[in-house]
Every structure is written in C-alpha cells, then in structure tokens.
Amino acid sequence: MSVPPSPEQWRPDPLRPNPFAPHVVDAVLQHMNEDHADDCLLIVRMLGGVPDAVGVALTAIDPAGAVYAVGRPQGDAIQVVIPWYSQIAERTAFRTEFARMYREAATLQTRLN
C-alpha cells in the first residue's frame, strides 16, 4: 500500500478552476452519496482517520481529492479531505479511484479486526 499525500498537501490551485463541469461533479456526488454511502463511511473511517464516524456525505471532488462532511457521535461534524493518489484528469478515473480507496479501506478494516 503506497502512501497518499497528506491532507496538508491537498491544495487545489485557486487560480485553476476545477476542470470538471458542475453537472459532472454533481452527478458523481449524487451517485456516491445515494448508492455508496456505506462505502464512503468505510473509506472515511479507515483512510480518513475518523474511526468513530457515524455519518458521511461526499461534498466536493476535484482533480486533487475528495471532501467529506463527517458526523461523529459527539455531534460535532468535521470536514475530512482524502487526497487521490494522483491527480484525476478524466471523469472515468473517479470510479477507479473510489474503488481503489474502498478496497484499501476494506483490507485495512480486515487487518484491524
């Protein structure tokens, strides 16, 4: 398992707009939140460093990473950024990257149990 960039290294370039059209971003967010909510929760728990997460919503994506709003038992919602292993340049790469993150999170969960 290689190590992704740290959240501090995840800095989208404010001078370069997200190359993905808003309808593309909205479609990915909707699909992940409606069809893969449990997968996103596992990703945030295992790869996002929030093992006590009780709810999650993917709120943003861009070529650098995924941003989640995460609910915790104490009621304090936090934002978690999980960088991609490399910049995403094509829409189809989101599926590949989310699948990789899920497999990695599932493997980590199995090792911890």
Protein backbone atom coordinates (compact mmCIF):
# COMPACT_ATOMS: atom_id res chain seq x y z
CA MET A 1 0.00 0.00 0.00
CA SER A 2 1.54 3.30 -1.05
CA VAL A 3 1.08 6.44 0.98
CA PRO A 4 -1.12 9.20 -0.44
CA PRO A 5 -0.27 12.87 0.02
CA SER A 6 -1.14 14.25 3.42
CA PRO A 7 -4.23 16.47 3.76
CA GLU A 8 -1.88 19.44 4.15
CA GLN A 9 -0.52 18.70 0.68
CA TRP A 10 -4.03 18.65 -0.77
CA ARG A 11 -4.36 22.14 -2.04
CA PRO A 12 -6.31 22.75 -5.20
CA ASP A 13 -4.85 25.62 -7.19
CA PRO A 14 -7.24 28.55 -6.58
CA LEU A 15 -6.14 30.10 -9.87
CA ARG A 16 -7.07 26.98 -11.86
CA PRO A 17 -10.78 26.15 -11.83
CA ASN A 18 -11.97 22.59 -11.42
CA PRO A 19 -11.83 21.17 -14.97
CA PHE A 20 -14.97 19.13 -14.36
CA ALA A 21 -18.25 20.78 -15.23
CA PRO A 22 -20.63 21.34 -12.31
CA HIS A 23 -23.08 18.76 -13.69
CA VAL A 24 -20.29 16.14 -13.72
CA VAL A 25 -19.33 16.91 -10.12
CA ASP A 26 -22.99 16.87 -9.06
CA ALA A 27 -23.55 13.50 -10.77
CA VAL A 28 -20.55 11.93 -9.02
CA LEU A 29 -21.55 13.35 -5.63
CA GLN A 30 -25.15 12.19 -6.02
CA HIS A 31 -24.13 8.71 -7.14
CA MET A 32 -21.64 8.22 -4.31
CA ASN A 33 -23.97 9.59 -1.63
CA GLU A 34 -27.05 7.67 -2.80
CA ASP A 35 -25.53 4.39 -3.98
CA HIS A 36 -22.30 4.10 -1.99
CA ALA A 37 -22.94 5.79 1.37
CA ASP A 38 -21.71 2.74 3.33
CA ASP A 39 -18.59 2.56 1.17
CA CYS A 40 -17.89 6.25 1.80
CA LEU A 41 -18.33 5.70 5.53
CA LEU A 42 -15.80 2.86 5.49
CA ILE A 43 -13.36 4.98 3.46
CA VAL A 44 -13.61 7.86 5.93
CA ARG A 45 -13.28 5.56 8.95
CA MET A 46 -10.26 3.68 7.62
CA LEU A 47 -8.45 6.13 5.33
CA GLY A 48 -9.71 9.44 6.70
CA GLY A 49 -8.66 8.75 10.27
CA VAL A 50 -12.16 9.04 11.78
CA PRO A 51 -12.93 5.56 13.15
CA ASP A 52 -15.94 6.85 15.13
CA ALA A 53 -17.67 8.39 12.09
CA VAL A 54 -21.42 7.73 12.18
CA GLY A 55 -22.47 9.53 9.01
CA VAL A 56 -20.79 10.88 5.94
CA ALA A 57 -21.58 12.87 2.82
CA LEU A 58 -19.26 13.44 -0.08
CA THR A 59 -19.44 17.22 -0.57
CA ALA A 60 -16.77 18.01 -3.16
CA ILE A 61 -14.39 16.41 -5.62
CA ASP A 62 -11.73 17.83 -7.85
CA PRO A 63 -8.58 16.56 -9.52
CA ALA A 64 -6.73 16.59 -6.17
CA GLY A 65 -9.08 14.80 -3.78
CA ALA A 66 -12.44 14.09 -2.17
CA VAL A 67 -14.01 16.18 0.59
CA TYR A 68 -16.42 14.62 3.08
CA ALA A 69 -18.68 16.09 5.76
CA VAL A 70 -18.44 13.61 8.63
CA GLY A 71 -20.81 13.18 11.55
CA ARG A 72 -19.43 11.94 14.85
CA PRO A 73 -21.13 10.58 17.98
CA GLN A 74 -20.35 13.77 19.92
CA GLY A 75 -22.41 15.68 17.36
CA ASP A 76 -19.52 17.75 16.05
CA ALA A 77 -19.39 17.46 12.27
CA ILE A 78 -15.96 17.76 10.72
CA GLN A 79 -14.57 18.04 7.22
CA VAL A 80 -12.23 15.30 6.04
CA VAL A 81 -10.15 15.55 2.90
CA ILE A 82 -8.82 12.36 1.34
CA PRO A 83 -6.39 13.04 -1.50
CA TRP A 84 -6.26 10.86 -4.57
CA TYR A 85 -3.00 9.03 -5.16
CA SER A 86 -2.57 11.11 -8.28
CA GLN A 87 -4.39 13.97 -9.96
CA ILE A 88 -7.55 12.96 -11.79
CA ALA A 89 -7.85 14.24 -15.33
CA GLU A 90 -10.80 12.24 -16.69
CA ARG A 91 -14.27 11.57 -15.28
CA THR A 92 -13.86 7.78 -15.56
CA ALA A 93 -10.89 7.93 -13.19
CA PHE A 94 -13.19 8.85 -10.28
CA ARG A 95 -14.75 5.38 -10.38
CA THR A 96 -11.33 3.73 -10.44
CA GLU A 97 -10.07 5.84 -7.54
CA PHE A 98 -13.16 5.34 -5.35
CA ALA A 99 -12.96 1.58 -5.98
CA ARG A 100 -9.27 1.58 -5.02
CA MET A 101 -9.98 3.53 -1.84
CA TYR A 102 -12.81 1.16 -0.90
CA ARG A 103 -10.65 -1.94 -1.44
CA GLU A 104 -7.83 -0.40 0.59
CA ALA A 105 -10.23 0.57 3.40
CA ALA A 106 -11.79 -2.90 3.46
CA THR A 107 -8.35 -4.53 3.59
CA LEU A 108 -7.30 -2.25 6.45
CA GLN A 109 -10.53 -2.99 8.34
CA THR A 110 -9.95 -6.74 7.95
CA ARG A 111 -6.41 -6.41 9.28
CA LEU A 112 -7.61 -4.45 12.30
CA ASN A 113 -10.35 -6.94 13.20
